[in-house]
């Protein structure tokens, strides 16, 4: 690597050092608020609302137009313990079952006390969201799927029905999807934004926080930010951002160029301002999946995956906190979404690695499949089907049986990413897998289908022999060109679990600095199931907003 490349890489991954001043009184502030919130996604909106409800004034500083990854998401929040929606759907659930299930999923990433607090407050959290105007619905999805059709808004969004999870906690559907068609992230986020603005909380859009401002003792006093002035350049940036977001997954090169142009406008036309935070600064600026240099540094195995989020997930919030003395953790944890259901027929096939070995229950949640694929099997996953399961999967891709964004990739892969062999051995040669090993795997799988028991936990109802040729293979690997694997970073700043205060490496807290959402280590930072990241954004955002307001 050249010196120039090394310097560029360092600039994108190193901590952003704060501006150190003698005292708050020595700074000429352009504006002030009790709580300054960096980033206006799901966590930032919740932080702003709780700060206001606690009697504090709040200022939100947002680089683009708000919403972040939350607004682009499926609008699912993981909640349980007997929510109003669960009760309407006649679903029985308890906070204890929720806790026992999440205890297995989260694997000690937070203390049991914090996890219990989250679970015990889950019903109240959903009530709070509905009070802000977020719409939910009690229509219960009758089948296990990665994401339901527009007929259903409550579903099993994790691994609740599979061992070992069902052995310790009674399964219950806990994926509460905001009520709107398609991917209703906007239906979840927009009511929060509307509520923030209706309460008179000031939001600075097209404003990028560039530095924290600290005093000699390291306490955080406020922020320095670059604001694009209202008028021509604001209008231009908004139009470019809308286009870049729309093209990010379909024309990524064009999208990157647009973002680069936005950065040039910021650099040339933005006005530097300083905002005083009398009580605290909340970092809620997302993760770092769009900072590819940081992915190379912390989670290189996930580099081939497709970034999931927005360009604002560039790690800037993490780097700001690190520069102020905060410590980062779980930075190698990335959720790789290898969903293969729908079509449901694909779960009746098997996933094998480059050695032809089956290694996962194909019915598991996509992030669990992705973790096994990347962490233990070199990022390789090949889906093997026989004639019947392939034909059935095509039938299941008809309109009305899945969302368009599920049907389209499935059909494209059946058409353009599907290799065929008259025999297992011929198929193995085409996918460059040892024929004798793939044959042994298929024979062993067919035997367990006959026995009706899968040691990996696939339900008996999904166990179906792979026996009638021709046979087919679809490349589902993390680097598959025709079947992109979305990735989401889970690591962040270590925080005090009672307050959301950012912590130093020695365990002390940084006065006046908080973090929330994917800028912080939270409940979903070890493992992800649908809705848990948004639930953590709500939980940690509200916690940080309350704590800062009461400081």
Protein backbone atom coordinates (compact mmCIF):
# COMPACT_ATOMS: atom_id res chain seq x y z
CA UNK A 1 0.00 0.00 0.00
CA UNK A 2 1.35 3.46 -0.91
CA UNK A 3 1.96 6.17 1.70
CA UNK A 4 -0.93 8.13 0.20
CA UNK A 5 -3.26 5.12 0.44
CA UNK A 6 -2.13 4.44 4.01
CA UNK A 7 -2.84 8.05 4.96
CA UNK A 8 -6.28 7.97 3.29
CA UNK A 9 -7.15 4.71 5.05
CA UNK A 10 -6.01 6.14 8.41
CA UNK A 11 -8.05 9.29 7.87
CA UNK A 12 -11.19 7.20 7.42
CA UNK A 13 -10.65 4.92 10.40
CA UNK A 14 -8.82 6.95 13.05
CA UNK A 15 -10.43 8.76 15.97
CA UNK A 16 -11.62 12.33 15.38
CA UNK A 17 -9.87 14.44 17.97
CA UNK A 18 -12.02 17.02 19.78
CA UNK A 19 -11.44 20.75 20.04
CA UNK A 20 -10.10 21.36 23.55
CA UNK A 21 -10.99 24.67 25.21
CA UNK A 22 -10.39 26.16 28.64
CA UNK A 23 -14.07 26.33 29.55
CA UNK A 24 -17.54 26.81 28.09
CA UNK A 25 -17.27 30.50 28.87
CA UNK A 26 -14.21 30.84 26.63
CA UNK A 27 -16.13 29.78 23.50
CA UNK A 28 -18.25 31.97 21.27
CA UNK A 29 -21.28 29.72 20.80
CA UNK A 30 -23.67 30.18 17.86
CA UNK A 31 -26.53 28.43 19.66
CA UNK A 32 -27.19 26.30 22.70
CA UNK A 33 -29.51 23.68 24.10
CA UNK A 34 -29.58 21.43 27.12
CA UNK A 35 -29.12 18.33 24.95
CA UNK A 36 -27.51 18.24 21.50
CA UNK A 37 -28.28 15.11 19.48
CA UNK A 38 -26.03 14.05 16.61
CA UNK A 39 -28.07 12.15 14.02
CA UNK A 40 -31.83 12.09 13.45
CA UNK A 41 -32.60 8.44 12.81
CA UNK A 42 -34.68 6.21 15.05
CA UNK A 43 -32.41 6.50 18.09
CA UNK A 44 -31.92 10.26 17.65
CA UNK A 45 -35.65 10.91 17.37
CA UNK A 46 -36.33 8.89 20.53
CA UNK A 47 -33.54 10.71 22.37
CA UNK A 48 -34.96 14.09 21.35
CA UNK A 49 -38.46 13.14 22.49
CA UNK A 50 -37.35 11.86 25.89
CA UNK A 51 -35.11 14.88 26.48
CA UNK A 52 -38.08 17.12 25.77
CA UNK A 53 -40.45 15.10 27.95
CA UNK A 54 -37.89 15.36 30.78
CA UNK A 55 -38.09 19.15 30.56
CA UNK A 56 -34.88 19.83 28.65
CA UNK A 57 -34.39 21.84 25.49
CA UNK A 58 -32.99 19.80 22.60
CA UNK A 59 -31.18 20.52 19.35
CA UNK A 60 -30.86 17.83 16.69
CA UNK A 61 -28.08 18.06 14.11
CA UNK A 62 -28.62 15.90 11.02
CA UNK A 63 -26.31 15.59 8.02
CA UNK A 64 -29.04 14.86 5.47
CA UNK A 65 -32.84 14.82 5.80
CA UNK A 66 -33.25 12.42 8.70
CA UNK A 67 -34.52 8.89 9.05
CA UNK A 68 -31.23 7.07 8.69
CA UNK A 69 -31.33 3.30 8.29
CA UNK A 70 -34.55 3.16 10.34
CA UNK A 71 -36.56 4.90 7.64
CA UNK A 72 -35.21 2.56 4.95
CA UNK A 73 -35.93 -0.55 7.01
CA UNK A 74 -38.83 -2.94 7.23
CA UNK A 75 -40.18 -0.93 10.17
CA UNK A 76 -40.13 -3.92 12.54
CA UNK A 77 -39.68 -3.53 16.29
CA UNK A 78 -39.06 -6.60 18.45
CA UNK A 79 -41.42 -6.48 21.43
CA UNK A 80 -43.10 -9.01 23.66
CA UNK A 81 -44.30 -9.93 27.11
CA UNK A 82 -47.96 -9.41 26.24
CA UNK A 83 -48.14 -6.25 24.14
CA UNK A 84 -51.45 -4.74 23.17
CA UNK A 85 -50.93 -6.06 19.64
CA UNK A 86 -50.11 -9.58 20.85
CA UNK A 87 -53.21 -9.63 23.01
CA UNK A 88 -55.40 -8.48 20.12
CA UNK A 89 -53.94 -11.33 18.06
CA UNK A 90 -54.69 -13.72 20.95
CA UNK A 91 -50.99 -14.46 21.39
CA UNK A 92 -49.81 -15.53 24.84
CA UNK A 93 -46.40 -14.21 25.87
CA UNK A 94 -44.59 -13.22 29.05
CA UNK A 95 -41.65 -10.99 29.86
CA UNK A 96 -39.89 -14.04 31.31
CA UNK A 97 -40.18 -15.99 28.05
CA UNK A 98 -38.98 -12.91 26.16
CA UNK A 99 -36.02 -12.66 28.51
CA UNK A 100 -35.09 -16.34 28.31
CA UNK A 101 -35.23 -16.27 24.51
CA UNK A 102 -33.18 -13.10 24.16
CA UNK A 103 -30.71 -14.31 26.76
CA UNK A 104 -29.72 -17.07 24.33
CA UNK A 105 -29.65 -14.75 21.31
CA UNK A 106 -27.72 -11.90 22.92
CA UNK A 107 -25.15 -14.18 24.59
CA UNK A 108 -24.25 -11.83 27.44
CA UNK A 109 -23.60 -8.74 25.34
CA UNK A 110 -25.38 -6.73 28.04
CA UNK A 111 -25.86 -7.57 31.71
CA UNK A 112 -28.82 -9.68 32.77
CA UNK A 113 -30.13 -6.66 34.68
CA UNK A 114 -30.16 -4.56 31.51
CA UNK A 115 -31.74 -7.31 29.45
CA UNK A 116 -34.44 -7.79 32.10
CA UNK A 117 -35.08 -4.06 32.13
CA UNK A 118 -35.50 -4.14 28.35
CA UNK A 119 -37.84 -7.14 28.49
CA UNK A 120 -39.87 -5.93 31.49
CA UNK A 121 -40.37 -2.60 29.73
CA UNK A 122 -41.19 -4.05 26.32
CA UNK A 123 -44.97 -3.67 26.66
CA UNK A 124 -44.57 -0.07 27.80
CA UNK A 125 -42.14 0.61 24.96
CA UNK A 126 -44.68 -0.41 22.34
CA UNK A 127 -47.37 1.64 24.12
CA UNK A 128 -44.99 4.62 24.05
CA UNK A 129 -44.39 4.21 20.32
CA UNK A 130 -48.12 4.04 19.64
CA UNK A 131 -48.60 7.18 21.74
CA UNK A 132 -46.15 8.95 19.42
CA UNK A 133 -48.32 7.91 16.48
CA UNK A 134 -46.52 4.79 15.18
CA UNK A 135 -49.19 2.45 13.72
CA UNK A 136 -49.22 -1.29 14.41
CA UNK A 137 -51.67 -4.05 13.56
CA UNK A 138 -52.60 -7.41 15.10
CA UNK A 139 -52.90 -9.46 11.89
CA UNK A 140 -50.85 -12.58 12.64
CA UNK A 141 -48.76 -14.24 9.92
CA UNK A 142 -49.57 -17.99 9.87
CA UNK A 143 -46.24 -19.16 8.39
CA UNK A 144 -42.57 -18.75 9.20
CA UNK A 145 -41.01 -16.24 6.79
CA UNK A 146 -38.21 -13.69 6.74
CA UNK A 147 -40.78 -10.95 6.15
CA UNK A 148 -44.55 -11.21 5.72
CA UNK A 149 -46.77 -10.01 2.91
CA UNK A 150 -48.92 -6.90 3.36
CA UNK A 151 -51.68 -9.07 4.83
CA UNK A 152 -49.77 -9.52 8.08
CA UNK A 153 -48.05 -7.27 10.65
CA UNK A 154 -47.20 -9.56 13.56
CA UNK A 155 -44.90 -12.50 12.91
CA UNK A 156 -42.14 -14.78 14.18
CA UNK A 157 -39.17 -12.61 13.26
CA UNK A 158 -36.38 -14.63 14.90
CA UNK A 159 -35.50 -18.21 15.83
CA UNK A 160 -38.21 -18.62 18.46
CA UNK A 161 -39.57 -21.92 17.13
CA UNK A 162 -36.27 -23.77 16.79
CA UNK A 163 -34.02 -25.53 19.29
CA UNK A 164 -32.36 -24.61 21.54
CA UNK A 165 -34.54 -21.50 21.83
CA UNK A 166 -37.91 -23.25 22.03
CA UNK A 167 -36.50 -25.52 24.73
CA UNK A 168 -35.99 -22.64 27.17
CA UNK A 169 -38.79 -20.24 26.24
CA UNK A 170 -42.29 -20.64 24.91
CA UNK A 171 -42.24 -19.38 21.29
CA UNK A 172 -44.27 -16.29 20.49
CA UNK A 173 -44.46 -13.94 17.49
CA UNK A 174 -42.73 -10.69 18.51
CA UNK A 175 -41.97 -8.98 15.23
CA UNK A 176 -44.25 -5.91 15.33
CA UNK A 177 -44.27 -4.41 11.84
CA UNK A 178 -45.43 -0.82 11.39
CA UNK A 179 -48.62 -0.83 9.36
CA UNK A 180 -47.97 0.20 5.77
CA UNK A 181 -47.32 -1.58 2.51
CA UNK A 182 -43.94 -2.92 1.44
CA UNK A 183 -41.05 -1.89 3.68
CA UNK A 184 -42.76 0.53 6.09
CA UNK A 185 -39.70 2.07 7.73
CA UNK A 186 -41.22 5.44 6.92
CA UNK A 187 -44.44 4.48 8.70
CA UNK A 188 -42.35 3.75 11.79
CA UNK A 189 -40.02 6.75 11.63
CA UNK A 190 -42.13 9.57 10.21
CA UNK A 191 -44.52 9.81 13.19
CA UNK A 192 -41.47 10.16 15.47
CA UNK A 193 -40.08 12.97 13.31
CA UNK A 194 -43.48 14.67 13.17
CA UNK A 195 -43.81 14.47 16.94
CA UNK A 196 -40.30 15.92 17.47
CA UNK A 197 -40.99 18.85 15.17
CA UNK A 198 -44.51 19.45 16.55
CA UNK A 199 -43.02 19.83 20.04
CA UNK A 200 -40.83 22.67 18.81
CA UNK A 201 -37.53 20.79 19.00
CA UNK A 202 -35.09 22.49 16.65
CA UNK A 203 -33.58 20.34 13.91
CA UNK A 204 -30.64 21.49 11.81
CA UNK A 205 -30.70 19.61 8.50
CA UNK A 206 -27.81 19.47 6.00
CA UNK A 207 -25.49 19.90 9.00
CA UNK A 208 -22.52 17.60 9.67
CA UNK A 209 -20.91 17.41 13.10
CA UNK A 210 -17.15 17.53 12.54
CA UNK A 211 -15.79 17.70 16.10
CA UNK A 212 -16.76 17.47 19.73
CA UNK A 213 -15.72 20.33 21.98
CA UNK A 214 -14.24 19.39 25.37
CA UNK A 215 -12.70 21.20 28.31
CA UNK A 216 -9.36 20.51 29.98
CA UNK A 217 -10.81 17.69 32.09
CA UNK A 218 -12.25 15.94 29.04
CA UNK A 219 -15.91 16.79 29.72
CA UNK A 220 -17.92 17.32 26.54
CA UNK A 221 -19.27 20.86 26.24
CA UNK A 222 -20.76 20.89 22.76
CA UNK A 223 -20.10 20.29 19.07
CA UNK A 224 -18.67 21.98 16.03
CA UNK A 225 -20.64 21.41 12.83
CA UNK A 226 -20.69 22.45 9.18
CA UNK A 227 -24.08 23.70 7.99
CA UNK A 228 -25.06 24.14 4.34
CA UNK A 229 -27.00 27.43 4.21
CA UNK A 230 -30.63 27.38 3.14
CA UNK A 231 -31.32 28.10 -0.51
CA UNK A 232 -29.80 26.82 -3.71
CA UNK A 233 -27.25 24.43 -2.24
CA UNK A 234 -29.68 22.91 0.27
CA UNK A 235 -32.14 22.22 -2.55
CA UNK A 236 -29.37 20.71 -4.67
CA UNK A 237 -28.11 18.45 -1.87
CA UNK A 238 -31.62 17.21 -1.07
CA UNK A 239 -32.25 16.27 -4.68
CA UNK A 240 -28.90 14.51 -4.98
CA UNK A 241 -29.41 12.67 -1.72
CA UNK A 242 -32.86 11.41 -2.75
CA UNK A 243 -31.43 10.08 -6.01
CA UNK A 244 -28.39 8.53 -4.31
CA UNK A 245 -30.60 6.70 -1.82
CA UNK A 246 -32.81 5.34 -4.59
CA UNK A 247 -29.81 4.05 -6.55
CA UNK A 248 -27.64 2.77 -3.71
CA UNK A 249 -28.42 -0.94 -4.26
CA UNK A 250 -28.96 -0.84 -8.03
CA UNK A 251 -26.37 1.62 -9.32
CA UNK A 252 -23.87 1.83 -6.44
CA UNK A 253 -21.18 3.55 -8.52
CA UNK A 254 -23.58 6.33 -9.51
CA UNK A 255 -24.75 6.61 -5.91
CA UNK A 256 -21.16 6.93 -4.65
CA UNK A 257 -20.44 9.67 -7.16
CA UNK A 258 -23.47 11.62 -5.99
CA UNK A 259 -22.35 11.32 -2.38
CA UNK A 260 -18.91 12.53 -3.39
CA UNK A 261 -20.48 15.59 -5.02
CA UNK A 262 -22.48 16.26 -1.85
CA UNK A 263 -19.24 16.15 0.15
CA UNK A 264 -17.69 18.68 -2.23
CA UNK A 265 -20.64 21.02 -1.74
CA UNK A 266 -20.29 20.65 2.03
CA UNK A 267 -16.61 21.44 1.87
CA UNK A 268 -17.06 24.50 -0.33
CA UNK A 269 -20.27 26.08 0.93
CA UNK A 270 -20.93 24.91 4.50
CA UNK A 271 -20.64 27.39 7.36
CA UNK A 272 -18.89 26.26 10.54
CA UNK A 273 -20.95 26.74 13.70
CA UNK A 274 -20.62 25.78 17.36
CA UNK A 275 -23.47 24.51 19.50
CA UNK A 276 -23.29 24.41 23.30
CA UNK A 277 -24.73 21.36 25.04
CA UNK A 278 -25.39 22.48 28.59
CA UNK A 279 -26.22 18.97 29.80
CA UNK A 280 -24.92 16.56 27.21
CA UNK A 281 -24.30 15.40 23.64
CA UNK A 282 -25.95 12.22 22.35
CA UNK A 283 -24.18 10.41 19.50
CA UNK A 284 -26.81 8.59 17.45
CA UNK A 285 -25.17 8.71 14.03
CA UNK A 286 -25.55 5.07 12.99
CA UNK A 287 -22.95 2.39 12.36
CA UNK A 288 -20.02 2.15 9.96
CA UNK A 289 -21.04 -0.24 7.18
CA UNK A 290 -20.57 2.43 4.50
CA UNK A 291 -17.04 3.17 5.68
CA UNK A 292 -15.31 0.42 3.73
CA UNK A 293 -11.92 1.26 5.23
CA UNK A 294 -13.36 0.61 8.70
CA UNK A 295 -14.88 -2.67 7.49
CA UNK A 296 -11.45 -3.65 6.16
CA UNK A 297 -9.92 -2.81 9.53
CA UNK A 298 -12.44 -4.35 11.89
CA UNK A 299 -14.49 -6.94 9.97
CA UNK A 300 -12.69 -7.88 6.73
CA UNK A 301 -14.55 -11.18 6.37
CA UNK A 302 -17.72 -9.19 5.71
CA UNK A 303 -16.18 -6.86 3.11
CA UNK A 304 -17.78 -8.73 0.15
CA UNK A 305 -21.26 -8.16 1.60
CA UNK A 306 -23.64 -5.45 0.43
CA UNK A 307 -23.83 -2.43 2.78
CA UNK A 308 -27.25 -2.01 4.40
CA UNK A 309 -28.11 1.49 5.56
CA UNK A 310 -27.21 4.95 4.30
CA UNK A 311 -23.96 6.72 3.50
CA UNK A 312 -24.32 8.43 6.90
CA UNK A 313 -23.43 5.03 8.41
CA UNK A 314 -19.81 6.06 7.94
CA UNK A 315 -18.56 5.54 11.48
CA UNK A 316 -18.29 9.27 12.18
CA UNK A 317 -20.21 9.00 15.46
CA UNK A 318 -17.91 6.21 16.64
CA UNK A 319 -14.80 8.14 15.66
CA UNK A 320 -16.04 11.29 17.42
CA UNK A 321 -16.64 9.32 20.61
CA UNK A 322 -13.32 7.52 20.36
CA UNK A 323 -11.51 10.85 19.95
CA UNK A 324 -13.05 12.07 23.19
CA UNK A 325 -11.69 9.01 25.01
CA UNK A 326 -14.45 6.49 24.40
CA UNK A 327 -13.67 2.84 23.79
CA UNK A 328 -15.05 0.76 20.92
CA UNK A 329 -16.15 -2.86 21.22
CA UNK A 330 -17.75 -5.64 19.15
CA UNK A 331 -16.46 -3.95 16.00
CA UNK A 332 -15.98 -7.34 14.34
CA UNK A 333 -19.67 -8.13 14.77
CA UNK A 334 -21.56 -7.74 11.51
CA UNK A 335 -24.97 -9.16 10.70
CA UNK A 336 -24.96 -10.86 7.28
CA UNK A 337 -28.50 -11.45 6.07
CA UNK A 338 -28.56 -14.69 4.13
CA UNK A 339 -32.31 -15.11 3.85
CA UNK A 340 -33.54 -18.03 1.73
CA UNK A 341 -37.23 -17.96 2.74
CA UNK A 342 -39.32 -17.08 0.82
CA UNK A 343 -39.62 -19.13 -1.27
CA UNK A 344 -40.31 -21.61 1.50
CA UNK A 345 -39.36 -24.49 -0.80
CA UNK A 346 -35.71 -23.42 -0.61
CA UNK A 347 -35.66 -24.37 3.07
CA UNK A 348 -36.40 -27.95 2.04
CA UNK A 349 -33.06 -28.05 0.25
CA UNK A 350 -29.71 -27.94 2.01
CA UNK A 351 -26.91 -25.38 2.31
CA UNK A 352 -23.37 -26.71 1.93
CA UNK A 353 -19.89 -25.20 2.07
CA UNK A 354 -17.03 -25.55 -0.44
CA UNK A 355 -16.35 -29.05 0.93
CA UNK A 356 -19.93 -30.15 0.34
CA UNK A 357 -20.73 -30.26 4.07
CA UNK A 358 -24.13 -29.19 5.39
CA UNK A 359 -23.72 -26.94 8.44
CA UNK A 360 -26.93 -25.09 9.35
CA UNK A 361 -30.68 -25.49 9.80
CA UNK A 362 -31.97 -23.86 6.61
CA UNK A 363 -35.06 -22.64 8.46
CA UNK A 364 -33.00 -20.48 10.83
CA UNK A 365 -33.20 -16.70 10.73
CA UNK A 366 -31.09 -15.19 7.94
CA UNK A 367 -28.55 -13.58 10.27
CA UNK A 368 -27.93 -16.90 12.02
CA UNK A 369 -27.32 -18.55 8.64
CA UNK A 370 -25.07 -15.64 7.67
CA UNK A 371 -23.02 -15.93 10.85
CA UNK A 372 -22.43 -19.65 10.35
CA UNK A 373 -21.59 -19.05 6.70
CA UNK A 374 -19.02 -16.29 7.29
CA UNK A 375 -17.54 -17.13 10.67
CA UNK A 376 -17.16 -20.89 10.29
CA UNK A 377 -17.34 -21.75 6.58
CA UNK A 378 -15.32 -19.13 4.73
CA UNK A 379 -18.36 -17.17 3.56
CA UNK A 380 -19.50 -20.06 1.36
CA UNK A 381 -23.09 -21.27 1.06
CA UNK A 382 -24.46 -23.29 -1.85
CA UNK A 383 -28.15 -24.18 -1.87
CA UNK A 384 -28.81 -27.65 -3.29
CA UNK A 385 -32.29 -28.51 -4.59
CA UNK A 386 -33.82 -31.31 -6.59
CA UNK A 387 -36.34 -31.07 -9.41
CA UNK A 388 -39.39 -31.00 -7.18
CA UNK A 389 -38.17 -28.30 -4.77
CA UNK A 390 -37.04 -26.11 -7.66
CA UNK A 391 -40.43 -26.37 -9.37
CA UNK A 392 -42.20 -25.68 -6.08
CA UNK A 393 -40.04 -22.62 -5.42
CA UNK A 394 -41.03 -21.14 -8.78
CA UNK A 395 -44.70 -21.63 -7.90
CA UNK A 396 -44.11 -19.84 -4.60
CA UNK A 397 -42.69 -16.80 -6.40
CA UNK A 398 -46.04 -15.84 -7.85
CA UNK A 399 -47.55 -12.46 -6.85
CA UNK A 400 -49.34 -12.50 -3.51
CA UNK A 401 -47.18 -15.22 -1.98
CA UNK A 402 -44.27 -12.94 -1.09
CA UNK A 403 -43.20 -9.31 -1.26
CA UNK A 404 -41.86 -8.13 -4.64
CA UNK A 405 -38.41 -7.56 -3.13
CA UNK A 406 -38.40 -11.22 -2.08
CA UNK A 407 -39.85 -12.66 -5.29
CA UNK A 408 -37.59 -10.73 -7.68
CA UNK A 409 -34.24 -11.94 -6.26
CA UNK A 410 -35.55 -15.51 -5.98
CA UNK A 411 -36.64 -15.58 -9.63
CA UNK A 412 -33.43 -13.92 -10.82
CA UNK A 413 -31.40 -16.55 -9.01
CA UNK A 414 -33.52 -19.37 -10.37
CA UNK A 415 -32.91 -18.01 -13.88
CA UNK A 416 -29.34 -16.75 -13.81
CA UNK A 417 -27.60 -18.21 -10.74
CA UNK A 418 -28.70 -21.81 -10.92
CA UNK A 419 -26.43 -24.66 -12.07
CA UNK A 420 -27.86 -28.01 -13.13
CA UNK A 421 -26.59 -31.57 -13.02
CA UNK A 422 -28.31 -34.77 -14.01
CA UNK A 423 -26.64 -36.47 -11.06
CA UNK A 424 -25.27 -35.28 -7.73
CA UNK A 425 -21.76 -36.00 -9.00
CA UNK A 426 -22.27 -33.94 -12.16
CA UNK A 427 -23.64 -31.05 -10.09
CA UNK A 428 -20.70 -31.26 -7.70
CA UNK A 429 -18.26 -30.93 -10.58
CA UNK A 430 -20.04 -27.82 -11.84
CA UNK A 431 -19.95 -26.09 -8.44
CA UNK A 432 -16.37 -27.26 -7.73
CA UNK A 433 -17.29 -29.32 -4.66
CA UNK A 434 -15.76 -32.78 -4.03
CA UNK A 435 -18.32 -35.19 -5.58
CA UNK A 436 -17.83 -37.95 -3.02
CA UNK A 437 -18.35 -35.49 -0.14
CA UNK A 438 -21.51 -33.97 -1.62
CA UNK A 439 -22.87 -37.47 -2.31
CA UNK A 440 -22.17 -38.48 1.31
CA UNK A 441 -23.88 -35.33 2.57
CA UNK A 442 -26.98 -35.95 0.44
CA UNK A 443 -27.16 -39.60 1.49
CA UNK A 444 -26.87 -38.66 5.17
CA UNK A 445 -29.52 -35.97 4.78
CA UNK A 446 -31.93 -38.33 3.05
CA UNK A 447 -31.51 -40.82 5.90
CA UNK A 448 -32.35 -38.25 8.56
CA UNK A 449 -35.38 -37.26 6.48
CA UNK A 450 -36.49 -40.89 6.64
CA UNK A 451 -35.86 -40.91 10.39
CA UNK A 452 -37.78 -37.63 10.84
CA UNK A 453 -35.10 -36.02 13.00
CA UNK A 454 -32.53 -33.38 12.11
CA UNK A 455 -29.72 -32.82 14.65
CA UNK A 456 -29.39 -29.26 13.30
CA UNK A 457 -32.99 -28.57 14.29
CA UNK A 458 -34.95 -28.34 11.04
CA UNK A 459 -38.59 -29.22 11.76
CA UNK A 460 -39.86 -32.59 10.57
CA UNK A 461 -42.35 -30.80 8.30
CA UNK A 462 -39.47 -29.36 6.27
CA UNK A 463 -37.43 -32.54 5.98
CA UNK A 464 -37.73 -33.74 2.40
CA UNK A 465 -35.46 -36.15 0.56
CA UNK A 466 -33.26 -34.76 -2.22
CA UNK A 467 -33.56 -37.59 -4.67
CA UNK A 468 -35.20 -36.76 -8.02
CA UNK A 469 -32.89 -35.29 -10.64
CA UNK A 470 -31.99 -33.12 -12.25
CA UNK A 471 -30.35 -31.41 -9.29
CA UNK A 472 -29.67 -27.71 -8.91
CA UNK A 473 -27.30 -25.42 -7.01
CA UNK A 474 -27.63 -21.70 -6.25
CA UNK A 475 -24.62 -19.75 -5.00
CA UNK A 476 -25.72 -17.98 -1.80
CA UNK A 477 -22.22 -17.07 -0.61
CA UNK A 478 -21.42 -13.66 0.85
CA UNK A 479 -19.57 -12.75 -2.34
CA UNK A 480 -22.28 -14.03 -4.72
CA UNK A 481 -22.61 -11.54 -7.58
CA UNK A 482 -26.20 -12.46 -8.38
CA UNK A 483 -27.44 -12.97 -4.82
CA UNK A 484 -26.07 -10.01 -2.80
CA UNK A 485 -25.87 -10.51 0.97
CA UNK A 486 -26.88 -7.38 2.95
CA UNK A 487 -24.66 -6.54 5.93
CA UNK A 488 -25.19 -4.35 9.00
CA UNK A 489 -22.56 -3.42 11.60
CA UNK A 490 -23.39 -4.09 15.26
CA UNK A 491 -20.40 -2.76 17.21
CA UNK A 492 -19.98 0.70 18.69
CA UNK A 493 -19.04 2.76 21.69
CA UNK A 494 -19.16 1.10 25.10
CA UNK A 495 -21.71 2.83 27.32
CA UNK A 496 -22.86 2.71 30.90
CA UNK A 497 -25.92 0.47 30.72
CA UNK A 498 -27.87 2.53 33.20
CA UNK A 499 -27.41 5.92 31.57
CA UNK A 500 -25.98 5.56 28.08
CA UNK A 501 -22.87 7.55 29.08
CA UNK A 502 -19.88 6.74 26.90
CA UNK A 503 -17.16 4.93 28.86
CA UNK A 504 -13.38 5.09 28.74
CA UNK A 505 -11.15 2.04 28.65
CA UNK A 506 -10.67 2.29 32.44
CA UNK A 507 -14.43 2.08 33.00
CA UNK A 508 -14.98 5.73 33.94
CA UNK A 509 -17.60 7.74 32.08
CA UNK A 510 -17.07 10.77 29.88
CA UNK A 511 -19.15 13.52 31.42
CA UNK A 512 -21.59 15.04 28.95
CA UNK A 513 -21.28 12.33 26.28
CA UNK A 514 -23.86 9.64 25.49
CA UNK A 515 -24.36 7.18 22.65
CA UNK A 516 -27.36 5.28 21.31
CA UNK A 517 -28.51 3.07 18.47
CA UNK A 518 -25.82 1.59 16.26
CA UNK A 519 -23.34 4.15 17.54
CA UNK A 520 -23.30 2.19 20.81
CA UNK A 521 -22.87 -1.38 21.96
CA UNK A 522 -26.39 -2.51 22.74
CA UNK A 523 -28.77 -5.42 23.05
CA UNK A 524 -28.40 -6.51 19.42
CA UNK A 525 -24.60 -6.11 19.20
CA UNK A 526 -23.86 -9.84 19.50
CA UNK A 527 -26.62 -11.24 17.33
CA UNK A 528 -29.48 -9.79 15.34
CA UNK A 529 -33.06 -10.84 14.74
CA UNK A 530 -35.54 -8.72 12.81
CA UNK A 531 -36.78 -5.82 14.89
CA UNK A 532 -34.14 -6.04 17.61
CA UNK A 533 -31.99 -3.22 16.23
CA UNK A 534 -34.93 -0.80 16.06
CA UNK A 535 -36.07 -1.92 19.52
CA UNK A 536 -32.58 -1.20 20.81
CA UNK A 537 -32.61 2.20 19.07
CA UNK A 538 -35.81 3.05 20.92
CA UNK A 539 -34.54 1.68 24.23
CA UNK A 540 -31.06 3.23 24.10
CA UNK A 541 -32.22 6.48 22.50
CA UNK A 542 -34.82 7.07 25.19
CA UNK A 543 -32.29 6.15 27.89
CA UNK A 544 -29.67 8.59 26.58
CA UNK A 545 -32.19 11.41 26.12
CA UNK A 546 -33.55 11.00 29.66
CA UNK A 547 -30.13 10.70 31.24
CA UNK A 548 -28.69 13.73 29.47
CA UNK A 549 -31.73 15.84 30.35
CA UNK A 550 -31.45 14.95 34.04
CA UNK A 551 -27.71 15.49 34.33
